[in-house]
Amino acid sequence: MASHRTDRRQVGLRLIVSLDDEPEGDLPPSPISAPRRVGERREPVTFSVGPGMRALARAARDARVQLDLAVTVVIERHLAESRLAATLGDAAPAAVASLDARATRERAQMALGDSGAAYLRGLVGTPRGMPEGPLDDEALIAVPMRLLDVVRRDDAEHAALRVALDAALRWERAAALHGMTLSEWAAWEALAATGRA
C-alpha cells in the first residue's frame, strides 16, 4: 500500500521571518495541509496510485475534502469495521448498520474549541486547497502517526480504499462531536449498544 520512504526534497520547512519576506525558489507542496485533529502528528507517506486511490480521489473532490483527510478516514473506518468483525463475529454487520444510523443523528455533546470546530468544518467540505487534475503514479499523503503501522501497500488498494468515503466521513464527524477518534467512537458506541459500556 505505502512506502514509509520520504523524499526529503519534497518535504521541508521554510522559515518566513515576516510577511514582507519573499521566499526564494519554489516551495515544495505541503503534504500536511489537510485539516487534522488538535495535536495530531502526521507523517508524509508515499502511496502508489491504483484504481482504489483514483476512485477515492474522485470521491474526495466530490465531497470537497482533501485527499489526506479522505485516506485517513477510510483507513480508520476500515480498521474499526475489521475490529468489530473480529470481536462481534456474525453480529458485526448489524453493529455497523447501527453505527451508520447513529452517526447520521449525532449532535455535539460538548462545546468545541476553535481547533475542534475548524477540524469539523474540514470534515464537512471546503473548496479551498482541493487537488486539481489526475494523480500521478505515486501520491504523497500525510497520515496520522497512529496509523503508520497499519499502512501497507496491499491493505490500501485492496481493502481500506473500498470503504465509502461518505460513510467514513459520517463516522469521523460523529467522533469529532464527542472529542474522540473514529476508532474510539465506534468501539464506545458498539459497547453502549450491547449494554457493556
C-alpha atoms as a PDB file:
ATOM      1  CA  MET A   1       0.000   0.000   0.000  1.00  0.00           C
ATOM      2  CA  ALA A   2       2.504   2.603   1.021  1.00  0.00           C
ATOM      3  CA  SER A   3       6.133   3.218   1.459  1.00  0.00           C
ATOM      4  CA  HIS A   4       7.491   4.939   4.528  1.00  0.00           C
ATOM      5  CA  ARG A   5      10.318   6.431   2.497  1.00  0.00           C
ATOM      6  CA  THR A   6      10.048  10.166   2.376  1.00  0.00           C
ATOM      7  CA  ASP A   7      11.589  12.144  -0.430  1.00  0.00           C
ATOM      8  CA  ARG A   8      13.336  14.848   1.580  1.00  0.00           C
ATOM      9  CA  ARG A   9      13.396  17.091  -1.467  1.00  0.00           C
ATOM     10  CA  GLN A  10       9.599  17.289  -1.371  1.00  0.00           C
ATOM     11  CA  VAL A  11       9.105  17.713   2.347  1.00  0.00           C
ATOM     12  CA  GLY A  12      10.584  20.507   4.351  1.00  0.00           C
ATOM     13  CA  LEU A  13      10.036  23.629   6.356  1.00  0.00           C
ATOM     14  CA  ARG A  14      10.957  27.114   5.331  1.00  0.00           C
ATOM     15  CA  LEU A  15      11.144  29.891   7.917  1.00  0.00           C
ATOM     16  CA  ILE A  16       9.405  33.079   6.857  1.00  0.00           C
ATOM     17  CA  VAL A  17      10.503  35.786   9.282  1.00  0.00           C
ATOM     18  CA  SER A  18       7.878  38.347   8.311  1.00  0.00           C
ATOM     19  CA  LEU A  19       5.009  38.715   5.897  1.00  0.00           C
ATOM     20  CA  ASP A  20       7.208  41.032   3.825  1.00  0.00           C
ATOM     21  CA  ASP A  21       9.749  38.262   3.160  1.00  0.00           C
ATOM     22  CA  GLU A  22       9.600  36.717  -0.269  1.00  0.00           C
ATOM     23  CA  PRO A  23      10.596  33.047  -0.239  1.00  0.00           C
ATOM     24  CA  GLU A  24      13.379  32.251  -2.666  1.00  0.00           C
ATOM     25  CA  GLY A  25      12.775  29.481  -5.185  1.00  0.00           C
ATOM     26  CA  ASP A  26       9.795  27.206  -5.492  1.00  0.00           C
ATOM     27  CA  LEU A  27       8.227  25.979  -2.290  1.00  0.00           C
ATOM     28  CA  PRO A  28       7.507  22.249  -2.284  1.00  0.00           C
ATOM     29  CA  PRO A  29       3.858  21.236  -1.985  1.00  0.00           C
ATOM     30  CA  SER A  30       2.906  20.762   1.633  1.00  0.00           C
ATOM     31  CA  PRO A  31       1.768  17.193   2.362  1.00  0.00           C
ATOM     32  CA  ILE A  32       0.465  18.240   5.758  1.00  0.00           C
ATOM     33  CA  SER A  33      -2.155  20.771   4.739  1.00  0.00           C
ATOM     34  CA  ALA A  34      -5.290  18.708   5.392  1.00  0.00           C
ATOM     35  CA  PRO A  35      -7.465  19.508   8.382  1.00  0.00           C
ATOM     36  CA  ARG A  36      -6.383  17.493  11.384  1.00  0.00           C
ATOM     37  CA  ARG A  37      -7.298  16.924  14.995  1.00  0.00           C
ATOM     38  CA  VAL A  38      -5.774  19.084  17.688  1.00  0.00           C
ATOM     39  CA  GLY A  39      -2.279  17.821  18.440  1.00  0.00           C
ATOM     40  CA  GLU A  40      -2.393  15.136  15.756  1.00  0.00           C
ATOM     41  CA  ARG A  41       1.002  14.445  14.278  1.00  0.00           C
ATOM     42  CA  ARG A  42       1.167  13.335  10.671  1.00  0.00           C
ATOM     43  CA  GLU A  43       3.893  11.712   8.635  1.00  0.00           C
ATOM     44  CA  PRO A  44       4.081  12.005   4.845  1.00  0.00           C
ATOM     45  CA  VAL A  45       3.869   8.582   3.200  1.00  0.00           C
ATOM     46  CA  THR A  46       4.233   7.746  -0.489  1.00  0.00           C
ATOM     47  CA  PHE A  47       1.246   5.756  -1.756  1.00  0.00           C
ATOM     48  CA  SER A  48       1.227   4.021  -5.114  1.00  0.00           C
ATOM     49  CA  VAL A  49      -1.835   5.143  -7.035  1.00  0.00           C
ATOM     50  CA  GLY A  50      -4.108   2.438  -8.386  1.00  0.00           C
ATOM     51  CA  PRO A  51      -7.837   2.226  -9.139  1.00  0.00           C
ATOM     52  CA  GLY A  52      -8.809   2.411  -5.456  1.00  0.00           C
ATOM     53  CA  MET A  53      -6.816   5.588  -4.811  1.00  0.00           C
ATOM     54  CA  ARG A  54      -8.077   7.191  -8.020  1.00  0.00           C
ATOM     55  CA  ALA A  55     -11.699   6.418  -7.057  1.00  0.00           C
ATOM     56  CA  LEU A  56     -11.076   7.817  -3.577  1.00  0.00           C
ATOM     57  CA  ALA A  57      -9.533  10.987  -5.064  1.00  0.00           C
ATOM     58  CA  ARG A  58     -12.668  11.479  -7.201  1.00  0.00           C
ATOM     59  CA  ALA A  59     -14.902  10.909  -4.158  1.00  0.00           C
ATOM     60  CA  ALA A  60     -12.801  13.378  -2.128  1.00  0.00           C
ATOM     61  CA  ARG A  61     -13.171  16.006  -4.855  1.00  0.00           C
ATOM     62  CA  ASP A  62     -16.935  15.412  -4.965  1.00  0.00           C
ATOM     63  CA  ALA A  63     -17.160  15.689  -1.159  1.00  0.00           C
ATOM     64  CA  ARG A  64     -14.838  18.743  -1.221  1.00  0.00           C
ATOM     65  CA  VAL A  65     -12.448  17.229   1.321  1.00  0.00           C
ATOM     66  CA  GLN A  66      -8.711  16.948   0.989  1.00  0.00           C
ATOM     67  CA  LEU A  67      -7.265  13.630  -0.135  1.00  0.00           C
ATOM     68  CA  ASP A  68      -5.104  13.308   3.012  1.00  0.00           C
ATOM     69  CA  LEU A  69      -8.242  13.512   5.129  1.00  0.00           C
ATOM     70  CA  ALA A  70     -10.136  11.098   2.866  1.00  0.00           C
ATOM     71  CA  VAL A  71      -7.348   8.499   3.051  1.00  0.00           C
ATOM     72  CA  THR A  72      -7.200   8.843   6.840  1.00  0.00           C
ATOM     73  CA  VAL A  73     -10.924   8.378   7.470  1.00  0.00           C
ATOM     74  CA  VAL A  74     -11.370   5.429   5.090  1.00  0.00           C
ATOM     75  CA  ILE A  75      -8.379   3.618   6.595  1.00  0.00           C
ATOM     76  CA  GLU A  76      -9.621   4.285  10.107  1.00  0.00           C
ATOM     77  CA  ARG A  77     -13.181   3.167   9.299  1.00  0.00           C
ATOM     78  CA  HIS A  78     -11.818   0.002   7.657  1.00  0.00           C
ATOM     79  CA  LEU A  79      -9.807  -0.728  10.811  1.00  0.00           C
ATOM     80  CA  ALA A  80     -12.817  -0.072  13.040  1.00  0.00           C
ATOM     81  CA  GLU A  81     -15.016  -2.386  10.950  1.00  0.00           C
ATOM     82  CA  SER A  82     -12.307  -5.077  10.973  1.00  0.00           C
ATOM     83  CA  ARG A  83     -12.028  -4.865  14.764  1.00  0.00           C
ATOM     84  CA  LEU A  84     -15.802  -5.041  15.153  1.00  0.00           C
ATOM     85  CA  ALA A  85     -15.883  -8.125  12.901  1.00  0.00           C
ATOM     86  CA  ALA A  86     -13.105  -9.787  14.910  1.00  0.00           C
ATOM     87  CA  THR A  87     -14.854  -9.008  18.199  1.00  0.00           C
ATOM     88  CA  LEU A  88     -18.528  -9.431  17.330  1.00  0.00           C
ATOM     89  CA  GLY A  89     -18.379 -12.059  14.592  1.00  0.00           C
ATOM     90  CA  ASP A  90     -21.758 -12.522  12.922  1.00  0.00           C
ATOM     91  CA  ALA A  91     -23.199  -9.590  14.881  1.00  0.00           C
ATOM     92  CA  ALA A  92     -20.738  -7.125  13.272  1.00  0.00           C
ATOM     93  CA  PRO A  93     -22.873  -6.188  10.215  1.00  0.00           C
ATOM     94  CA  ALA A  94     -25.785  -5.227  12.489  1.00  0.00           C
ATOM     95  CA  ALA A  95     -23.398  -3.208  14.683  1.00  0.00           C
ATOM     96  CA  VAL A  96     -22.017  -1.373  11.631  1.00  0.00           C
ATOM     97  CA  ALA A  97     -25.556  -0.597  10.438  1.00  0.00           C
ATOM     98  CA  SER A  98     -26.414   0.682  13.913  1.00  0.00           C
ATOM     99  CA  LEU A  99     -23.308   2.884  13.944  1.00  0.00           C
ATOM    100  CA  ASP A 100     -24.192   4.236  10.491  1.00  0.00           C
ATOM    101  CA  ALA A 101     -27.661   5.180  11.733  1.00  0.00           C
ATOM    102  CA  ARG A 102     -26.266   6.692  14.936  1.00  0.00           C
ATOM    103  CA  ALA A 103     -23.672   8.733  13.027  1.00  0.00           C
ATOM    104  CA  THR A 104     -26.358  10.382  10.890  1.00  0.00           C
ATOM    105  CA  ARG A 105     -28.236  11.525  14.018  1.00  0.00           C
ATOM    106  CA  GLU A 106     -25.218  12.607  16.060  1.00  0.00           C
ATOM    107  CA  ARG A 107     -25.164  16.100  17.560  1.00  0.00           C
ATOM    108  CA  ALA A 108     -22.485  17.913  19.536  1.00  0.00           C
ATOM    109  CA  GLN A 109     -22.177  16.564  23.071  1.00  0.00           C
ATOM    110  CA  MET A 110     -19.781  19.266  24.219  1.00  0.00           C
ATOM    111  CA  ALA A 111     -18.676  22.735  23.237  1.00  0.00           C
ATOM    112  CA  LEU A 112     -15.987  22.562  20.581  1.00  0.00           C
ATOM    113  CA  GLY A 113     -12.951  24.797  20.795  1.00  0.00           C
ATOM    114  CA  ASP A 114     -11.720  26.757  17.796  1.00  0.00           C
ATOM    115  CA  SER A 115      -9.429  23.951  16.618  1.00  0.00           C
ATOM    116  CA  GLY A 116     -12.081  21.259  17.010  1.00  0.00           C
ATOM    117  CA  ALA A 117     -14.620  23.403  15.172  1.00  0.00           C
ATOM    118  CA  ALA A 118     -12.120  24.060  12.360  1.00  0.00           C
ATOM    119  CA  TYR A 119     -11.491  20.311  12.050  1.00  0.00           C
ATOM    120  CA  LEU A 120     -15.228  19.631  11.923  1.00  0.00           C
ATOM    121  CA  ARG A 121     -15.617  22.241   9.169  1.00  0.00           C
ATOM    122  CA  GLY A 122     -12.890  20.416   7.223  1.00  0.00           C
ATOM    123  CA  LEU A 123     -14.930  17.210   7.505  1.00  0.00           C
ATOM    124  CA  VAL A 124     -17.964  18.939   6.026  1.00  0.00           C
ATOM    125  CA  GLY A 125     -16.007  20.054   2.974  1.00  0.00           C
ATOM    126  CA  THR A 126     -14.391  23.167   1.646  1.00  0.00           C
ATOM    127  CA  PRO A 127     -13.325  24.153  -1.851  1.00  0.00           C
ATOM    128  CA  ARG A 128     -10.010  25.568  -0.572  1.00  0.00           C
ATOM    129  CA  GLY A 129      -6.930  23.587  -1.496  1.00  0.00           C
ATOM    130  CA  MET A 130      -8.744  20.919  -3.472  1.00  0.00           C
ATOM    131  CA  PRO A 131      -6.444  18.953  -5.802  1.00  0.00           C
ATOM    132  CA  GLU A 132      -6.882  19.568  -9.495  1.00  0.00           C
ATOM    133  CA  GLY A 133      -6.339  17.076 -12.289  1.00  0.00           C
ATOM    134  CA  PRO A 134      -5.393  13.410 -12.253  1.00  0.00           C
ATOM    135  CA  LEU A 135      -3.000  11.793  -9.788  1.00  0.00           C
ATOM    136  CA  ASP A 136       0.470  10.662 -10.748  1.00  0.00           C
ATOM    137  CA  ASP A 137       1.615   7.066 -10.196  1.00  0.00           C
ATOM    138  CA  GLU A 138       2.507   7.971  -6.609  1.00  0.00           C
ATOM    139  CA  ALA A 139       0.931  10.383  -4.144  1.00  0.00           C
ATOM    140  CA  LEU A 140       2.460  11.888  -1.015  1.00  0.00           C
ATOM    141  CA  ILE A 141      -0.229  11.604   1.679  1.00  0.00           C
ATOM    142  CA  ALA A 142       0.040  12.852   5.257  1.00  0.00           C
ATOM    143  CA  VAL A 143      -1.106  10.027   7.544  1.00  0.00           C
ATOM    144  CA  PRO A 144      -1.645  10.301  11.316  1.00  0.00           C
ATOM    145  CA  MET A 145       1.217   8.652  13.167  1.00  0.00           C
ATOM    146  CA  ARG A 146      -1.224   6.361  14.990  1.00  0.00           C
ATOM    147  CA  LEU A 147      -1.988   4.710  11.618  1.00  0.00           C
ATOM    148  CA  LEU A 148       1.566   4.358  10.298  1.00  0.00           C
ATOM    149  CA  ASP A 149       1.992   0.772  11.487  1.00  0.00           C
ATOM    150  CA  VAL A 150      -1.135  -0.373   9.657  1.00  0.00           C
ATOM    151  CA  VAL A 151      -0.471   1.448   6.398  1.00  0.00           C
ATOM    152  CA  ARG A 152       0.722  -1.211   3.942  1.00  0.00           C
ATOM    153  CA  ARG A 153       0.632  -1.282   0.146  1.00  0.00           C
ATOM    154  CA  ASP A 154      -1.784  -4.236  -0.116  1.00  0.00           C
ATOM    155  CA  ASP A 155      -4.184  -3.040   2.575  1.00  0.00           C
ATOM    156  CA  ALA A 156      -4.861   0.298   0.937  1.00  0.00           C
ATOM    157  CA  GLU A 157      -5.511  -0.804  -2.604  1.00  0.00           C
ATOM    158  CA  HIS A 158      -7.394  -3.986  -1.778  1.00  0.00           C
ATOM    159  CA  ALA A 159      -9.371  -3.186   1.340  1.00  0.00           C
ATOM    160  CA  ALA A 160      -9.400   0.179   3.071  1.00  0.00           C
ATOM    161  CA  LEU A 161      -9.804   2.319  -0.029  1.00  0.00           C
ATOM    162  CA  ARG A 162     -13.008   0.456  -0.889  1.00  0.00           C
ATOM    163  CA  VAL A 163     -14.747   1.910   2.164  1.00  0.00           C
ATOM    164  CA  ALA A 164     -17.269   4.511   1.059  1.00  0.00           C
ATOM    165  CA  LEU A 165     -15.925   7.967   1.830  1.00  0.00           C
ATOM    166  CA  ASP A 166     -19.290   9.458   2.757  1.00  0.00           C
ATOM    167  CA  ALA A 167     -19.888   6.727   5.355  1.00  0.00           C
ATOM    168  CA  ALA A 168     -16.370   7.156   6.763  1.00  0.00           C
ATOM    169  CA  LEU A 169     -16.842  10.934   6.980  1.00  0.00           C
ATOM    170  CA  ARG A 170     -20.129  10.465   8.883  1.00  0.00           C
ATOM    171  CA  TRP A 171     -18.396   8.284  11.477  1.00  0.00           C
ATOM    172  CA  GLU A 172     -15.496  10.743  11.764  1.00  0.00           C
ATOM    173  CA  ARG A 173     -17.869  13.706  12.223  1.00  0.00           C
ATOM    174  CA  ALA A 174     -19.741  11.807  14.945  1.00  0.00           C
ATOM    175  CA  ALA A 175     -16.449  11.001  16.647  1.00  0.00           C
ATOM    176  CA  ALA A 176     -15.259  14.610  16.420  1.00  0.00           C
ATOM    177  CA  LEU A 177     -18.502  15.802  18.004  1.00  0.00           C
ATOM    178  CA  HIS A 178     -17.654  13.584  21.003  1.00  0.00           C
ATOM    179  CA  GLY A 179     -13.979  14.548  21.094  1.00  0.00           C
ATOM    180  CA  MET A 180     -12.935  11.014  20.097  1.00  0.00           C
ATOM    181  CA  THR A 181     -11.135   9.360  17.210  1.00  0.00           C
ATOM    182  CA  LEU A 182     -13.245   7.332  14.798  1.00  0.00           C
ATOM    183  CA  SER A 183     -11.958   4.058  16.286  1.00  0.00           C
ATOM    184  CA  GLU A 184     -12.713   5.196  19.836  1.00  0.00           C
ATOM    185  CA  TRP A 185     -16.211   6.345  18.880  1.00  0.00           C
ATOM    186  CA  ALA A 186     -17.039   3.104  17.031  1.00  0.00           C
ATOM    187  CA  ALA A 187     -15.830   0.953  19.934  1.00  0.00           C
ATOM    188  CA  TRP A 188     -17.646   3.052  22.534  1.00  0.00           C
ATOM    189  CA  GLU A 189     -20.929   3.105  20.607  1.00  0.00           C
ATOM    190  CA  ALA A 190     -20.748  -0.633  19.903  1.00  0.00           C
ATOM    191  CA  LEU A 191     -20.205  -1.294  23.618  1.00  0.00           C
ATOM    192  CA  ALA A 192     -23.047   1.059  24.539  1.00  0.00           C
ATOM    193  CA  ALA A 193     -25.379  -0.722  22.096  1.00  0.00           C
ATOM    194  CA  THR A 194     -24.641  -4.061  23.768  1.00  0.00           C
ATOM    195  CA  GLY A 195     -25.069  -2.600  27.254  1.00  0.00           C
ATOM    196  CA  ARG A 196     -21.419  -3.166  28.178  1.00  0.00           C
ATOM    197  CA  ALA A 197     -20.384   0.493  28.373  1.00  0.00           C
END
